[in-house]
N, C-alpha and C. Protein backbone atom coordinates (compact mmCIF):
# COMPACT_ATOMS: atom_id res chain seq x y z
N MET A 1 99.64 95.65 69.85
CA MET A 1 101.46 94.92 70.37
C MET A 1 101.25 93.71 70.13
N THR A 2 102.46 93.36 70.36
CA THR A 2 103.51 92.30 69.94
C THR A 2 102.93 90.79 70.96
N LYS A 3 103.03 89.96 70.19
CA LYS A 3 101.56 88.78 71.46
C LYS A 3 103.70 87.78 71.44
N LYS A 4 103.66 87.36 72.38
CA LYS A 4 104.30 86.85 72.61
C LYS A 4 104.20 85.86 73.93
N GLY A 5 103.15 85.86 74.96
CA GLY A 5 103.39 85.13 75.75
C GLY A 5 101.73 84.66 76.22
N LYS A 6 101.75 83.94 77.09
CA LYS A 6 100.56 83.96 77.38
C LYS A 6 99.38 84.30 78.53
N LEU A 7 97.74 84.35 78.27
CA LEU A 7 96.66 84.95 79.18
C LEU A 7 96.63 84.25 79.50
N ILE A 8 96.39 84.68 81.24
CA ILE A 8 95.25 83.05 82.10
C ILE A 8 94.82 84.84 82.54
N VAL A 9 93.10 84.25 82.02
CA VAL A 9 92.40 85.34 83.04
C VAL A 9 90.99 84.24 83.70
N PHE A 10 91.31 85.24 85.48
CA PHE A 10 90.22 83.91 85.83
C PHE A 10 89.29 85.29 86.32
N SER A 11 87.52 85.56 86.07
CA SER A 11 87.23 86.54 86.25
C SER A 11 86.09 85.34 86.88
N ALA A 12 85.19 86.51 88.32
CA ALA A 12 84.45 85.25 89.67
C ALA A 12 83.33 86.47 89.95
N PRO A 13 82.14 86.40 90.49
CA PRO A 13 81.94 87.74 90.79
C PRO A 13 82.38 87.45 92.11
N SER A 14 82.36 88.99 92.53
CA SER A 14 83.18 88.85 94.42
C SER A 14 82.81 88.20 94.87
N GLY A 15 83.32 87.98 95.49
CA GLY A 15 83.51 86.64 96.98
C GLY A 15 83.37 85.45 95.93
N SER A 16 84.01 85.10 95.20
CA SER A 16 83.44 83.44 94.51
C SER A 16 85.22 83.41 94.86
N GLY A 17 87.13 84.09 95.39
CA GLY A 17 87.98 82.97 95.55
C GLY A 17 89.17 83.22 94.86
N LYS A 18 88.53 83.92 94.02
CA LYS A 18 89.49 83.75 92.24
C LYS A 18 90.35 84.85 92.86
N THR A 19 90.45 85.87 93.83
CA THR A 19 91.61 85.94 94.00
C THR A 19 92.64 85.67 95.22
N THR A 20 92.48 84.45 95.93
CA THR A 20 93.74 83.53 96.25
C THR A 20 93.91 82.60 95.51
N ILE A 21 93.17 82.58 94.70
CA ILE A 21 92.85 81.56 93.46
C ILE A 21 94.10 82.05 92.97
N VAL A 22 93.82 83.20 92.07
CA VAL A 22 94.95 83.80 91.80
C VAL A 22 96.44 83.52 92.52
N ARG A 23 96.71 84.67 93.11
CA ARG A 23 97.56 84.51 94.70
C ARG A 23 98.37 82.85 94.78
N HIS A 24 97.62 82.01 94.98
CA HIS A 24 98.30 80.06 94.49
C HIS A 24 98.92 80.02 93.65
N LEU A 25 98.08 80.58 92.18
CA LEU A 25 99.04 80.61 91.46
C LEU A 25 99.95 80.60 90.73
N LEU A 26 100.17 82.46 91.91
CA LEU A 26 101.62 82.37 91.56
C LEU A 26 102.76 82.20 92.50
N ALA A 27 102.35 81.74 93.49
CA ALA A 27 103.36 80.94 93.76
C ALA A 27 103.79 80.19 93.82
N GLN A 28 103.11 79.22 92.65
CA GLN A 28 103.62 77.94 91.70
C GLN A 28 105.00 78.45 90.64
N LYS A 29 105.82 78.70 90.87
CA LYS A 29 107.72 79.29 90.15
C LYS A 29 107.24 77.91 88.43
N ASP A 30 107.13 77.03 88.13
CA ASP A 30 106.92 76.39 87.74
C ASP A 30 105.67 77.15 86.34
N LEU A 31 104.72 77.49 86.90
CA LEU A 31 104.08 79.13 86.26
C LEU A 31 104.97 79.77 85.39
N ASN A 32 106.20 80.27 85.87
CA ASN A 32 106.23 81.65 85.27
C ASN A 32 104.97 82.04 85.10
N LEU A 33 104.83 83.06 85.65
CA LEU A 33 103.21 84.17 86.21
C LEU A 33 103.68 85.27 86.66
N GLU A 34 103.51 86.37 86.31
CA GLU A 34 103.43 87.36 86.70
C GLU A 34 101.93 88.07 86.93
N PHE A 35 101.52 88.27 88.05
CA PHE A 35 100.48 89.36 87.66
C PHE A 35 99.68 90.61 87.04
N SER A 36 98.92 90.66 86.64
CA SER A 36 99.02 91.81 85.63
C SER A 36 97.80 93.56 86.82
N ILE A 37 97.94 94.13 87.33
CA ILE A 37 98.62 95.28 87.83
C ILE A 37 96.83 96.04 87.26
N SER A 38 95.84 96.29 87.91
CA SER A 38 94.23 96.63 86.23
C SER A 38 94.95 98.23 87.50
N CYS A 39 94.37 99.09 86.25
CA CYS A 39 93.96 99.95 86.52
C CYS A 39 92.41 99.91 87.92
N THR A 40 92.30 101.76 88.47
CA THR A 40 90.95 101.47 89.11
C THR A 40 91.12 103.50 89.70
N SER A 41 89.28 103.72 89.01
CA SER A 41 89.61 104.68 89.88
C SER A 41 88.91 104.93 90.67
N ARG A 42 88.67 104.27 90.63
CA ARG A 42 87.70 104.06 92.64
C ARG A 42 89.47 104.26 93.42
N ALA A 43 88.42 104.41 94.90
CA ALA A 43 90.07 104.65 96.43
C ALA A 43 89.98 103.37 96.60
N SER A 44 90.98 102.98 97.98
CA SER A 44 92.48 101.89 98.19
C SER A 44 91.08 101.70 98.47
N ARG A 45 90.98 100.04 99.44
CA ARG A 45 90.17 100.29 99.81
C ARG A 45 90.83 98.65 101.40
N GLY A 46 90.03 98.78 102.41
CA GLY A 46 92.10 97.60 102.82
C GLY A 46 92.87 98.03 103.31
N GLU A 47 93.70 97.00 103.32
CA GLU A 47 95.58 97.43 102.82
C GLU A 47 96.21 97.28 101.78
N GLU A 48 94.51 97.65 100.69
CA GLU A 48 95.26 97.01 99.03
C GLU A 48 96.55 98.47 98.94
N ILE A 49 97.29 98.10 98.49
CA ILE A 49 98.09 99.51 97.80
C ILE A 49 98.18 99.50 96.35
N ASN A 50 98.82 100.58 96.19
CA ASN A 50 98.43 101.13 94.83
C ASN A 50 100.48 100.59 93.92
N GLY A 51 100.24 100.13 93.30
CA GLY A 51 101.56 99.80 92.17
C GLY A 51 101.39 97.99 92.33
N LYS A 52 100.57 97.93 93.32
CA LYS A 52 101.15 96.35 93.95
C LYS A 52 99.08 96.08 94.08
N ASP A 53 98.40 95.85 94.14
CA ASP A 53 97.22 95.50 93.77
C ASP A 53 96.07 96.19 93.16
N TYR A 54 96.47 97.47 92.79
CA TYR A 54 95.94 98.36 91.32
C TYR A 54 96.49 99.32 91.32
N TYR A 55 96.50 100.32 90.04
CA TYR A 55 97.32 101.19 90.03
C TYR A 55 95.96 102.48 90.14
N PHE A 56 95.24 102.97 91.32
CA PHE A 56 95.13 103.78 91.64
C PHE A 56 94.76 105.28 90.27
N ILE A 57 94.39 105.64 89.66
CA ILE A 57 94.29 107.10 89.50
C ILE A 57 93.29 107.71 89.33
N SER A 58 92.95 108.27 89.44
CA SER A 58 92.23 109.63 89.41
C SER A 58 90.84 109.09 87.97
N LEU A 59 89.96 109.89 88.45
CA LEU A 59 88.98 109.24 87.19
C LEU A 59 89.43 110.21 86.01
N ASP A 60 89.96 111.81 86.03
CA ASP A 60 90.20 112.27 85.13
C ASP A 60 92.08 111.33 84.54
N ASP A 61 92.35 111.08 85.00
CA ASP A 61 93.51 110.28 84.29
C ASP A 61 92.67 109.02 83.80
N PHE A 62 92.20 107.97 84.24
CA PHE A 62 91.54 107.08 84.26
C PHE A 62 90.89 107.20 82.66
N LYS A 63 89.98 108.87 82.25
CA LYS A 63 89.18 108.72 81.29
C LYS A 63 90.16 109.56 80.24
N GLN A 64 91.70 109.85 80.84
CA GLN A 64 92.36 110.63 79.78
C GLN A 64 93.03 108.79 78.75
N HIS A 65 93.08 108.51 80.21
CA HIS A 65 93.90 106.11 79.51
C HIS A 65 92.86 106.12 78.26
N ILE A 66 91.39 106.25 78.51
CA ILE A 66 90.85 105.86 77.13
C ILE A 66 90.90 106.30 76.05
N LYS A 67 90.97 108.26 76.67
CA LYS A 67 91.08 108.34 75.63
C LYS A 67 92.43 108.56 74.04
N ASN A 68 93.18 108.14 74.89
CA ASN A 68 94.64 107.73 74.41
C ASN A 68 94.33 106.54 73.79
N GLU A 69 93.65 105.43 74.29
CA GLU A 69 93.41 103.71 74.12
C GLU A 69 94.71 103.29 74.49
N ASP A 70 95.21 103.57 75.37
CA ASP A 70 96.46 102.91 76.21
C ASP A 70 95.64 101.54 76.82
N PHE A 71 94.54 101.20 76.83
CA PHE A 71 93.57 100.46 77.55
C PHE A 71 93.81 99.14 77.08
N LEU A 72 94.25 97.72 76.70
CA LEU A 72 93.91 96.51 76.39
C LEU A 72 92.45 96.39 76.33
N GLU A 73 91.94 96.59 77.88
CA GLU A 73 90.31 96.48 78.06
C GLU A 73 90.66 97.46 79.29
N TRP A 74 88.48 98.26 79.25
CA TRP A 74 88.03 98.68 80.19
C TRP A 74 86.62 98.68 80.67
N GLU A 75 85.69 98.62 81.93
CA GLU A 75 84.88 99.10 82.12
C GLU A 75 84.85 99.93 82.44
N GLU A 76 83.20 100.26 82.55
CA GLU A 76 83.21 101.60 84.64
C GLU A 76 82.10 100.40 84.57
N VAL A 77 83.06 99.33 85.83
CA VAL A 77 82.06 98.48 86.62
C VAL A 77 81.00 99.30 87.52
N TYR A 78 81.54 99.85 88.09
CA TYR A 78 79.64 100.74 88.66
C TYR A 78 80.21 101.82 88.50
N ARG A 79 79.22 102.63 88.67
CA ARG A 79 79.24 104.67 88.38
C ARG A 79 80.48 104.98 89.24
N ASP A 80 81.08 105.74 87.77
CA ASP A 80 82.77 106.64 87.83
C ASP A 80 83.39 105.23 88.77
N ASN A 81 83.00 104.40 88.27
CA ASN A 81 84.37 103.72 88.70
C ASN A 81 84.79 102.98 87.71
N PHE A 82 85.93 103.45 87.46
CA PHE A 82 86.11 102.94 86.14
C PHE A 82 87.89 101.27 87.00
N TYR A 83 87.75 100.44 86.04
CA TYR A 83 88.88 98.98 86.10
C TYR A 83 89.47 99.19 84.50
N GLY A 84 90.72 99.09 84.22
CA GLY A 84 91.39 98.45 83.11
C GLY A 84 92.15 98.03 83.46
N THR A 85 92.86 97.19 82.26
CA THR A 85 93.72 96.88 82.06
C THR A 85 95.13 97.65 81.06
N LEU A 86 95.96 98.22 80.67
CA LEU A 86 96.57 98.80 80.15
C LEU A 86 97.56 98.39 80.21
N LYS A 87 98.04 98.71 78.64
CA LYS A 87 98.68 97.24 77.13
C LYS A 87 100.36 97.26 77.81
N SER A 88 100.33 99.06 78.29
CA SER A 88 102.08 98.75 78.87
C SER A 88 102.01 97.85 79.75
N GLU A 89 101.63 97.63 80.77
CA GLU A 89 101.18 96.61 81.65
C GLU A 89 101.75 95.28 80.93
N VAL A 90 101.46 94.63 79.56
CA VAL A 90 100.71 93.69 79.81
C VAL A 90 102.56 92.83 78.70
N GLU A 91 102.48 94.58 77.89
CA GLU A 91 104.24 94.68 77.94
C GLU A 91 104.55 94.43 78.21
N ARG A 92 105.04 94.86 79.57
CA ARG A 92 105.98 94.81 80.36
C ARG A 92 106.16 93.54 80.62
N ILE A 93 104.86 92.81 81.16
CA ILE A 93 105.62 90.99 81.42
C ILE A 93 105.94 90.32 80.67
N TRP A 94 105.58 90.57 79.59
CA TRP A 94 106.18 90.39 78.16
C TRP A 94 107.66 90.56 77.31
N SER A 95 107.93 91.06 77.88
CA SER A 95 109.22 91.73 78.42
C SER A 95 109.78 91.10 79.37
N GLU A 96 109.40 90.15 79.99
CA GLU A 96 110.31 89.81 81.68
C GLU A 96 110.22 88.47 80.85
N GLY A 97 109.42 88.11 79.90
CA GLY A 97 109.16 86.81 79.28
C GLY A 97 108.43 85.55 80.17
N LYS A 98 107.30 86.42 80.92
CA LYS A 98 106.48 85.44 82.05
C LYS A 98 105.04 85.56 81.26
N ASN A 99 104.24 84.39 81.37
CA ASN A 99 102.81 84.75 80.77
C ASN A 99 101.96 85.95 81.88
N VAL A 100 101.18 85.97 81.74
CA VAL A 100 100.40 87.41 82.29
C VAL A 100 99.07 86.59 82.93
N ILE A 101 98.77 86.51 84.31
CA ILE A 101 97.03 86.37 84.95
C ILE A 101 96.87 87.20 85.67
N PHE A 102 96.08 87.16 84.93
CA PHE A 102 94.68 87.88 85.19
C PHE A 102 93.50 87.98 86.53
N ASP A 103 93.05 89.10 87.15
CA ASP A 103 91.79 88.55 88.39
C ASP A 103 91.12 90.02 88.12
N ILE A 104 90.23 89.30 87.49
CA ILE A 104 89.30 90.17 86.40
C ILE A 104 87.59 90.23 86.37
N ASP A 105 86.74 91.51 86.08
CA ASP A 105 86.04 91.05 86.04
C ASP A 105 85.67 90.30 84.73
N VAL A 106 84.82 90.15 84.89
CA VAL A 106 83.74 89.79 84.01
C VAL A 106 83.75 89.38 82.24
N ALA A 107 83.03 90.67 82.33
CA ALA A 107 83.30 91.75 80.94
C ALA A 107 84.84 91.94 80.47
N GLY A 108 85.70 92.24 81.44
CA GLY A 108 87.01 92.18 81.09
C GLY A 108 87.47 90.70 80.91
N GLY A 109 87.37 89.93 81.15
CA GLY A 109 88.23 89.13 80.83
C GLY A 109 87.37 88.25 79.08
N LEU A 110 86.38 88.34 79.46
CA LEU A 110 85.30 87.99 77.71
C LEU A 110 86.48 88.99 76.88
N ARG A 111 86.48 90.11 76.67
CA ARG A 111 87.06 91.10 75.82
C ARG A 111 88.78 90.40 75.53
N ILE A 112 89.41 89.98 77.17
CA ILE A 112 90.87 89.36 76.45
C ILE A 112 90.59 88.67 75.67
N LYS A 113 89.88 88.07 76.27
CA LYS A 113 89.36 86.21 75.91
C LYS A 113 89.83 86.84 73.82
N ARG A 114 88.00 87.04 73.87
CA ARG A 114 88.00 88.48 72.17
C ARG A 114 89.42 88.70 72.21
N LYS A 115 90.37 89.36 72.36
CA LYS A 115 90.94 90.43 71.15
C LYS A 115 92.15 89.03 71.50
N PHE A 116 92.74 88.04 72.23
CA PHE A 116 93.75 87.48 72.22
C PHE A 116 93.42 85.42 72.07
N PRO A 117 92.18 85.06 71.06
CA PRO A 117 91.68 84.14 71.61
C PRO A 117 92.47 83.21 72.41
N ASP A 118 94.06 82.52 70.80
CA ASP A 118 94.31 81.55 70.56
C ASP A 118 95.27 81.00 72.43
N GLU A 119 95.47 83.07 72.69
CA GLU A 119 96.56 82.63 73.93
C GLU A 119 95.98 83.21 75.25
N THR A 120 94.61 83.06 74.94
CA THR A 120 94.13 83.28 76.16
C THR A 120 93.95 82.20 77.16
N LEU A 121 93.64 81.66 77.85
CA LEU A 121 92.73 80.80 79.15
C LEU A 121 91.80 81.38 79.84
N ALA A 122 90.65 81.59 79.57
CA ALA A 122 90.03 82.31 80.02
C ALA A 122 88.73 81.11 81.46
N VAL A 123 89.06 81.18 82.39
CA VAL A 123 88.90 80.39 83.55
C VAL A 123 87.33 81.63 84.53
N PHE A 124 86.04 80.97 84.59
CA PHE A 124 85.45 81.36 85.43
C PHE A 124 85.17 81.12 86.74
N VAL A 125 85.15 81.51 87.70
CA VAL A 125 85.69 80.46 89.40
C VAL A 125 83.81 81.27 89.61
N LYS A 126 83.00 80.17 89.78
CA LYS A 126 81.81 79.68 90.30
C LYS A 126 80.99 79.68 91.60
N PRO A 127 80.70 80.09 92.45
CA PRO A 127 80.65 80.31 94.08
C PRO A 127 79.61 79.14 94.63
N PRO A 128 79.67 78.56 95.28
CA PRO A 128 78.92 77.31 95.60
C PRO A 128 77.43 77.78 95.21
N SER A 129 76.87 79.30 95.87
CA SER A 129 75.12 79.44 95.88
C SER A 129 75.72 81.74 95.70
N ILE A 130 74.31 81.93 95.59
CA ILE A 130 74.30 83.52 95.53
C ILE A 130 74.58 84.09 97.31
N ASP A 131 73.21 83.15 98.09
CA ASP A 131 74.08 82.58 99.71
C ASP A 131 75.02 82.92 100.15
N GLU A 132 75.78 81.81 99.52
CA GLU A 132 77.84 81.71 100.03
C GLU A 132 78.13 82.85 99.95
N LEU A 133 78.03 83.40 98.47
CA LEU A 133 78.66 84.36 98.38
C LEU A 133 78.93 86.19 99.32
N LYS A 134 76.51 86.15 99.59
CA LYS A 134 77.08 86.99 100.38
C LYS A 134 77.77 86.87 102.41
N ILE A 135 77.38 85.58 102.16
CA ILE A 135 77.71 85.85 103.37
C ILE A 135 79.54 85.84 103.20
N ARG A 136 80.05 84.96 102.14
CA ARG A 136 81.97 85.44 102.52
C ARG A 136 82.29 87.58 101.39
N LEU A 137 81.01 87.87 101.38
CA LEU A 137 81.25 89.82 101.07
C LEU A 137 81.08 90.23 102.53
N LYS A 138 79.82 89.41 102.88
CA LYS A 138 80.01 89.99 104.95
C LYS A 138 80.59 90.10 105.09
N LYS A 139 82.05 89.16 104.80
CA LYS A 139 82.61 88.41 106.98
C LYS A 139 84.13 89.27 106.91
N ARG A 140 84.11 89.99 105.13
CA ARG A 140 85.28 90.64 104.77
C ARG A 140 85.40 91.96 105.78
N CYS A 141 84.20 92.57 105.63
CA CYS A 141 83.89 94.03 106.05
C CYS A 141 84.67 95.33 105.17
N THR A 142 84.21 94.92 104.97
CA THR A 142 84.60 96.24 104.16
C THR A 142 84.14 97.34 102.99
N GLU A 143 83.29 96.53 103.32
CA GLU A 143 82.12 97.72 102.23
C GLU A 143 80.55 97.55 103.17
N SER A 144 79.54 98.28 102.72
CA SER A 144 78.21 98.89 103.12
C SER A 144 77.34 97.36 102.89
N GLU A 145 75.74 97.80 103.58
CA GLU A 145 75.29 96.56 103.42
C GLU A 145 74.47 97.59 101.73
N ASP A 146 74.86 98.21 101.07
CA ASP A 146 74.33 98.85 101.02
C ASP A 146 75.20 98.63 98.77
N LYS A 147 76.63 98.24 99.50
CA LYS A 147 77.52 98.49 97.88
C LYS A 147 77.44 96.34 97.99
N ILE A 148 77.50 95.92 99.35
CA ILE A 148 77.49 94.16 99.48
C ILE A 148 76.48 93.17 98.00
N ASN A 149 74.93 94.48 98.73
CA ASN A 149 73.49 94.12 97.63
C ASN A 149 74.16 94.13 96.54
N MET A 150 74.41 95.60 95.95
CA MET A 150 74.90 95.46 94.86
C MET A 150 76.13 94.78 94.21
N ARG A 151 77.02 94.38 94.70
CA ARG A 151 77.37 93.58 94.14
C ARG A 151 76.58 91.76 93.62
N ILE A 152 75.90 92.08 94.71
CA ILE A 152 75.04 90.26 94.54
C ILE A 152 73.98 89.85 93.64
N ALA A 153 73.04 91.13 93.48
CA ALA A 153 72.59 91.79 91.73
C ALA A 153 73.34 91.85 90.72
N LYS A 154 74.94 92.56 90.82
CA LYS A 154 75.38 92.38 89.10
C LYS A 154 76.34 90.90 89.71
N ALA A 155 76.56 89.94 90.54
CA ALA A 155 77.11 88.36 90.23
C ALA A 155 75.71 87.63 89.39
N SER A 156 74.83 87.68 89.88
CA SER A 156 73.76 87.02 88.92
C SER A 156 73.79 87.10 87.64
N VAL A 157 74.29 88.15 87.45
CA VAL A 157 74.42 88.53 85.72
C VAL A 157 75.94 87.72 85.06
N GLU A 158 76.81 88.29 86.75
CA GLU A 158 77.85 87.41 85.70
C GLU A 158 77.29 86.00 85.77
N LEU A 159 77.03 85.67 86.53
CA LEU A 159 76.68 83.66 86.57
C LEU A 159 76.30 83.30 85.19
N ALA A 160 75.83 84.76 84.28
CA ALA A 160 75.11 83.96 83.59
C ALA A 160 76.52 83.61 82.57
N THR A 161 77.51 84.01 82.78
CA THR A 161 78.57 84.01 81.64
C THR A 161 78.97 82.98 81.42
N ALA A 162 78.82 82.15 82.19
CA ALA A 162 79.75 81.46 83.08
C ALA A 162 80.02 80.23 80.89
N PRO A 163 79.27 80.37 80.62
CA PRO A 163 79.83 79.27 79.55
C PRO A 163 80.03 80.20 78.07
N GLN A 164 80.44 80.73 78.63
CA GLN A 164 81.27 82.04 77.98
C GLN A 164 82.40 81.69 77.92
N PHE A 165 83.43 81.14 79.21
CA PHE A 165 84.59 80.91 79.38
C PHE A 165 84.91 79.95 78.32
N ASP A 166 86.55 79.38 78.86
CA ASP A 166 86.51 78.21 78.65
C ASP A 166 86.66 77.22 79.66
N LEU A 167 86.63 77.88 80.31
CA LEU A 167 86.42 76.54 82.12
C LEU A 167 85.49 77.24 83.13
N ILE A 168 85.21 76.14 83.67
CA ILE A 168 84.62 76.71 85.23
C ILE A 168 84.94 76.49 85.65
N ILE A 169 85.43 76.80 86.99
CA ILE A 169 85.37 76.24 88.55
C ILE A 169 85.04 76.09 89.68
N LYS A 170 84.73 74.77 89.72
CA LYS A 170 83.23 75.02 91.32
C LYS A 170 84.41 75.02 92.54
N ASN A 171 83.67 76.80 93.09
CA ASN A 171 84.84 76.02 94.65
C ASN A 171 83.91 76.23 95.41
N TYR A 172 83.91 75.04 95.92
CA TYR A 172 83.06 74.23 96.77
C TYR A 172 83.60 73.87 98.11
N ASP A 173 85.16 74.27 97.72
CA ASP A 173 86.17 73.18 98.99
C ASP A 173 87.31 74.33 97.58
N LEU A 174 88.00 74.87 98.22
CA LEU A 174 88.84 76.13 97.97
C LEU A 174 90.12 75.61 98.23
N GLU A 175 90.91 74.13 98.46
CA GLU A 175 92.11 73.51 98.30
C GLU A 175 91.85 72.60 97.06
N VAL A 176 90.77 72.20 96.36
CA VAL A 176 90.19 71.97 95.87
C VAL A 176 90.19 72.58 94.21
N ALA A 177 90.27 73.46 94.55
CA ALA A 177 89.78 74.77 93.63
C ALA A 177 90.93 74.73 93.38
N LYS A 178 92.39 75.58 93.98
CA LYS A 178 93.41 75.63 93.88
C LYS A 178 94.49 74.64 92.63
N GLU A 179 93.95 73.65 93.43
CA GLU A 179 94.67 72.45 93.20
C GLU A 179 94.14 72.18 92.08
N GLU A 180 93.33 72.42 91.17
CA GLU A 180 91.76 72.39 90.18
C GLU A 180 92.82 72.59 88.89
N SER A 181 92.62 74.99 89.25
CA SER A 181 93.19 75.30 88.76
C SER A 181 94.99 75.27 88.33
N TYR A 182 95.34 75.56 88.83
CA TYR A 182 97.30 74.80 89.11
C TYR A 182 97.31 73.53 87.92
N GLN A 183 96.25 72.40 87.89
CA GLN A 183 96.57 71.18 86.75
C GLN A 183 95.43 72.00 85.60
N LEU A 184 95.37 72.57 85.62
CA LEU A 184 94.31 73.19 84.20
C LEU A 184 95.64 74.69 83.01
N VAL A 185 96.46 75.36 84.34
CA VAL A 185 97.35 76.76 83.86
C VAL A 185 98.37 75.53 82.95
N LYS A 186 98.51 74.71 84.37
CA LYS A 186 99.94 73.69 83.60
C LYS A 186 99.87 73.32 82.86
N GLU A 187 98.88 71.94 82.46
CA GLU A 187 98.86 71.90 81.05
C GLU A 187 98.02 72.92 79.51
N PHE A 188 97.97 74.03 80.39
CA PHE A 188 97.44 74.87 78.82
C PHE A 188 98.94 76.11 78.40
N LEU A 189 99.75 75.54 79.61
CA LEU A 189 100.98 77.09 79.16
C LEU A 189 102.67 75.95 78.31
N LYS A 190 102.35 74.03 78.45
CA LYS A 190 103.24 73.66 78.01
C LYS A 190 102.96 73.30 76.49
């Protein structure tokens, strides 16, 4: 892959607010960002749209992409639920002269940082607490209690990786977290 633009990675446990922060940053035209759409083998949830939120592909297709080494990074996040970033997606965004922003799981975010250490700003969004995370996930009304408990268990492990990121944004107040994220990204892109 040719290195052209910058890579902005936002990672966090589910329910931390990273997607809201990423959407806010995408709306700031001066940052010249474009969202990297990840591939997933899971079914869409709620109002998710193929080609906008994710590229929803079959498990077999996902495994074929792995075999073909088409991914910049990929992971089996939950059993038979794969997520990954196609190299072609990043190349597409760079070819448009834009910087890439990722809303991605912790392991994937750290893999991108390791592959492109100088071009990547890796930001970890930290929730106020595990209890608050559980409340946020329940409010979504998109998953069963079992799935929520699975995400909470995973969140504890993910929180331990926070020090491996370049920056940690504490999302106690969403407006403050959005502004802090904007300033940090703007500084990195100078």
